[in-house]
Protein backbone atom coordinates (compact mmCIF):
# COMPACT_ATOMS: atom_id res chain seq x y z
CA UNK A 1 82.87 113.79 114.20
CA UNK A 2 79.31 112.05 113.90
CA UNK A 3 77.92 115.43 112.54
CA UNK A 4 81.17 115.87 110.07
CA UNK A 5 80.57 112.36 108.70
CA UNK A 6 76.65 112.69 108.32
CA UNK A 7 77.55 115.99 106.44
CA UNK A 8 79.92 114.45 104.25
CA UNK A 9 77.42 111.44 103.38
CA UNK A 10 74.78 114.32 102.78
CA UNK A 11 77.32 115.91 100.24
CA UNK A 12 78.23 112.87 98.52
CA UNK A 13 74.53 112.13 98.09
CA UNK A 14 73.63 115.30 96.64
CA UNK A 15 76.94 115.02 94.27
CA UNK A 16 75.64 111.74 93.00
CA UNK A 17 71.98 113.13 92.44
CA UNK A 18 73.42 116.01 90.36
CA UNK A 19 75.53 113.95 88.49
CA UNK A 20 72.71 111.94 87.46
CA UNK A 21 70.41 114.64 86.62
CA UNK A 22 73.35 116.25 84.34
CA UNK A 23 73.74 112.64 82.55
CA UNK A 24 69.92 112.43 82.08
CA UNK A 25 69.48 116.23 80.55
CA UNK A 26 72.48 115.38 78.46
CA UNK A 27 70.76 112.30 76.99
CA UNK A 28 67.53 113.89 76.50
CA UNK A 29 69.35 116.93 74.57
CA UNK A 30 71.20 114.51 72.45
CA UNK A 31 68.35 112.21 71.54
CA UNK A 32 66.55 115.57 70.56
CA UNK A 33 69.54 116.42 68.23
CA UNK A 34 69.64 112.83 66.87
CA UNK A 35 65.77 113.28 66.06
CA UNK A 36 66.22 116.37 63.94
CA UNK A 37 69.08 114.75 62.37
CA UNK A 38 67.27 111.65 61.52
CA UNK A 39 64.34 113.99 59.99
CA UNK A 40 66.36 115.48 57.47
CA UNK A 41 67.55 111.91 56.36
CA UNK A 42 63.92 110.37 56.19
CA UNK A 43 62.28 113.41 55.05
CA UNK A 44 64.57 113.35 52.16
CA UNK A 45 63.54 110.01 51.48
CA UNK A 46 59.93 110.49 51.90
CA UNK A 47 59.69 113.57 49.51
CA UNK A 48 61.15 111.20 46.95
CA UNK A 49 58.68 108.67 47.50
CA UNK A 50 55.96 111.21 47.47
CA UNK A 51 57.57 112.83 44.08
CA UNK A 52 57.97 109.55 42.27
CA UNK A 53 54.43 108.21 43.33
CA UNK A 54 52.81 111.47 41.69
CA UNK A 55 54.73 111.36 38.67
CA UNK A 56 54.25 107.84 37.85
CA UNK A 57 50.82 108.22 36.13
CA UNK A 58 52.64 110.76 33.50
CA UNK A 59 55.77 108.75 32.95
CA UNK A 60 53.62 105.74 32.28
CA UNK A 61 50.55 106.34 30.86
CA UNK A 62 47.62 104.02 30.28
CA UNK A 63 48.30 102.44 33.79
CA UNK A 64 45.36 100.40 35.06
CA UNK A 65 42.79 102.37 37.21
CA UNK A 66 43.68 100.23 40.42
CA UNK A 67 47.60 101.13 39.96
CA UNK A 68 46.73 104.71 39.39
CA UNK A 69 44.66 104.80 42.64
CA UNK A 70 47.69 102.94 44.32
CA UNK A 71 50.37 105.72 43.46
CA UNK A 72 47.90 108.24 44.91
CA UNK A 73 47.93 106.31 47.99
CA UNK A 74 51.47 106.03 48.35
CA UNK A 75 51.83 109.81 47.73
CA UNK A 76 49.31 110.93 50.28
CA UNK A 77 50.78 108.55 53.01
CA UNK A 78 54.37 110.14 52.36
CA UNK A 79 52.87 113.44 52.69
CA UNK A 80 51.08 112.65 55.72
CA UNK A 81 54.38 110.96 57.17
CA UNK A 82 56.38 114.07 56.33
CA UNK A 83 53.75 116.45 58.21
CA UNK A 84 53.82 113.98 61.15
CA UNK A 85 57.76 114.09 61.31
CA UNK A 86 57.85 117.95 61.08
CA UNK A 87 55.21 118.13 64.03
CA UNK A 88 56.91 115.78 66.04
CA UNK A 89 60.77 117.67 65.54
CA UNK A 90 58.68 120.84 66.42
CA UNK A 91 57.87 119.40 69.73
CA UNK A 92 61.49 118.03 70.58
CA UNK A 93 63.16 121.56 69.51
CA UNK A 94 64.05 123.45 72.86
CA UNK A 95 62.20 126.39 73.54
CA UNK A 96 63.64 129.39 71.55
CA UNK A 97 66.21 127.06 69.84
CA UNK A 98 66.58 127.94 66.11
CA UNK A 99 66.06 125.48 63.31
CA UNK A 100 69.57 124.45 62.02
CA UNK A 101 69.82 125.42 58.35
CA UNK A 102 73.39 124.16 57.57
CA UNK A 103 73.90 120.83 55.86
CA UNK A 104 74.50 117.94 58.31
CA UNK A 105 77.89 116.55 58.08
CA UNK A 106 78.68 113.20 56.95
CA UNK A 107 81.91 110.93 56.20
CA UNK A 108 82.72 113.15 53.42
CA UNK A 109 83.66 116.05 55.74
CA UNK A 110 85.81 113.36 57.96
CA UNK A 111 89.01 114.82 56.32
CA UNK A 112 87.96 118.46 57.19
CA UNK A 113 87.17 117.36 60.77
CA UNK A 114 90.65 115.82 61.28
CA UNK A 115 92.42 118.66 59.51
CA UNK A 116 90.71 121.27 61.69
CA UNK A 117 91.87 119.07 64.84
CA UNK A 118 95.54 118.93 63.52
CA UNK A 119 95.51 122.85 62.92
CA UNK A 120 94.61 123.39 66.27
CA UNK A 121 97.66 121.24 67.51
CA UNK A 122 96.66 117.54 67.93
CA UNK A 123 98.42 114.74 66.38
CA UNK A 124 95.81 112.81 64.61
CA UNK A 125 96.18 109.68 62.48
CA UNK A 126 93.33 108.89 60.43
CA UNK A 127 92.48 105.55 58.78
CA UNK A 128 89.45 105.78 57.01
CA UNK A 129 87.96 102.30 55.18
CA UNK A 130 84.13 103.17 55.17
CA UNK A 131 84.46 103.47 51.38
CA UNK A 132 84.60 99.99 51.28
CA UNK A 133 80.63 99.66 52.22
CA UNK A 134 77.76 101.87 51.57
CA UNK A 135 76.59 103.20 54.96
CA UNK A 136 73.35 104.84 55.31
CA UNK A 137 73.03 108.53 55.65
CA UNK A 138 72.26 107.92 59.24
CA UNK A 139 74.91 105.65 60.14
CA UNK A 140 77.51 108.23 58.24
CA UNK A 141 76.19 111.16 60.47
CA UNK A 142 76.58 109.19 63.60
CA UNK A 143 79.90 107.86 62.80
CA UNK A 144 81.11 111.70 62.12
CA UNK A 145 79.50 112.74 65.33
CA UNK A 146 81.03 110.24 67.42
CA UNK A 147 84.51 111.18 65.85
CA UNK A 148 84.03 114.87 66.50
CA UNK A 149 83.05 114.10 70.03
CA UNK A 150 85.88 111.89 70.55
CA UNK A 151 88.59 114.19 69.41
CA UNK A 152 86.83 117.05 71.64
CA UNK A 153 87.15 114.70 74.39
CA UNK A 154 90.77 113.70 73.67
CA UNK A 155 91.81 117.61 73.39
CA UNK A 156 90.43 118.16 76.51
CA UNK A 157 91.60 115.17 78.83
CA UNK A 158 94.80 114.48 77.00
CA UNK A 159 96.34 117.38 75.38
CA UNK A 160 99.49 116.55 73.20
CA UNK A 161 98.96 112.91 73.04
CA UNK A 162 98.85 111.02 69.98
CA UNK A 163 95.52 110.45 68.55
CA UNK A 164 94.40 107.47 66.11
CA UNK A 165 90.96 107.52 64.47
CA UNK A 166 90.13 104.19 62.32
CA UNK A 167 87.02 103.39 60.25
CA UNK A 168 86.44 100.05 59.20
CA UNK A 169 83.60 97.48 58.33
CA UNK A 170 83.58 94.59 60.56
CA UNK A 171 80.89 92.05 60.69
CA UNK A 172 78.16 93.86 58.99
CA UNK A 173 78.73 96.82 60.85
CA UNK A 174 81.03 99.92 60.72
CA UNK A 175 83.55 100.20 63.51
CA UNK A 176 84.44 103.66 64.63
CA UNK A 177 87.82 103.61 66.74
CA UNK A 178 89.04 106.59 68.24
CA UNK A 179 92.16 106.23 70.78
CA UNK A 180 94.54 108.48 72.49
CA UNK A 181 97.82 108.17 74.09
CA UNK A 182 98.25 108.96 78.01
CA UNK A 183 98.69 112.69 78.74
CA UNK A 184 100.48 113.40 82.41
CA UNK A 185 98.02 114.97 84.75
CA UNK A 186 95.19 114.67 82.62
CA UNK A 187 92.67 112.20 83.69
CA UNK A 188 89.92 111.00 81.40
CA UNK A 189 86.35 111.60 81.70
CA UNK A 190 84.17 110.05 84.54
CA UNK A 191 82.05 107.03 84.08
CA UNK A 192 79.07 108.98 82.54
CA UNK A 193 81.57 110.84 80.50
CA UNK A 194 80.38 114.28 80.32
CA UNK A 195 82.22 116.41 78.31
CA UNK A 196 82.41 120.24 78.26
CA UNK A 197 78.81 120.59 76.06
CA UNK A 198 77.31 117.92 78.67
CA UNK A 199 77.15 115.47 76.26
CA UNK A 200 80.29 113.23 76.05
CA UNK A 201 80.37 109.48 76.07
CA UNK A 202 76.50 109.79 77.05
CA UNK A 203 75.62 111.42 73.40
CA UNK A 204 77.87 108.81 71.78
CA UNK A 205 76.27 105.90 73.38
CA UNK A 206 72.47 107.62 72.44
CA UNK A 207 74.12 107.71 68.72
CA UNK A 208 75.15 104.05 68.87
CA UNK A 209 71.94 102.90 70.66
CA UNK A 210 69.33 104.84 68.21
CA UNK A 211 71.04 102.49 65.32
CA UNK A 212 70.72 99.39 67.02
CA UNK A 213 74.63 99.34 67.62
CA UNK A 214 77.12 99.37 70.70
CA UNK A 215 79.79 101.62 72.40
CA UNK A 216 82.45 100.63 74.18
CA UNK A 217 85.02 102.73 75.98
CA UNK A 218 87.78 102.25 78.72
CA UNK A 219 91.52 102.71 79.26
CA UNK A 220 94.03 101.21 76.93
CA UNK A 221 96.97 98.86 77.78
CA UNK A 222 99.38 102.40 77.54
CA UNK A 223 97.50 104.26 79.85
CA UNK A 224 95.51 106.08 77.15
CA UNK A 225 91.72 105.99 76.23
CA UNK A 226 89.48 104.54 73.60
CA UNK A 227 85.94 104.71 72.33
CA UNK A 228 84.81 101.76 70.03
CA UNK A 229 81.44 101.98 68.05
CA UNK A 230 79.73 99.54 66.30
CA UNK A 231 77.19 101.06 63.73
CA UNK A 232 75.40 98.41 62.13
CA UNK A 233 74.96 98.62 58.35
CA UNK A 234 71.66 97.46 58.15
CA UNK A 235 68.75 97.79 60.26
CA UNK A 236 68.62 94.79 62.86
CA UNK A 237 72.49 94.05 62.42
CA UNK A 238 74.84 93.27 65.13
CA UNK A 239 74.98 94.84 68.38
């Protein structure tokens, strides 16, 4: 009996270590993916800064010498920042991983995502009020990815259940809520929320955290499950 209990304790300890390592690896992978997506957003704006700074002396001839030098400095700084960002993204990219060339999705493609879930047999209701505000590209992409992952989890853990997707502005943030009803014999994710791709709730938390937001998950009163993320519309917003 002592030997059996010791073996059970050792198995439980190893299982916990594997779970923690899985969660850590999922977080690292998601951070790398987020960094690449944010690179697209930042590089676009930095490129525009460099272009506008270089064009300024031609658009406004007769600028004082000091002003022209300032625009040149801004242009050079923007170009250097772009070079450094590309270097960092190359370091983050996993060995052998190809660079993503398709445009990253935003909330303009949320309807397509929901339609795809319905085509797959899910019962999804969408209430999108994100158009009442003007979220940044980073917020849009994170909101889209959170809905995407939450729908994937609902399809796996609560097949056949009705799913409600709602996006609305709340206290200076974009609130993203995905809630599904109960499904008999289909327990939801564990505490770490590792989905089939190794991300699940871990990835959603990473996306909310990188924007200074928050993520709340848990069971609903009717036995279902919900994911509620708040993504600040401005840097330093509510968490």
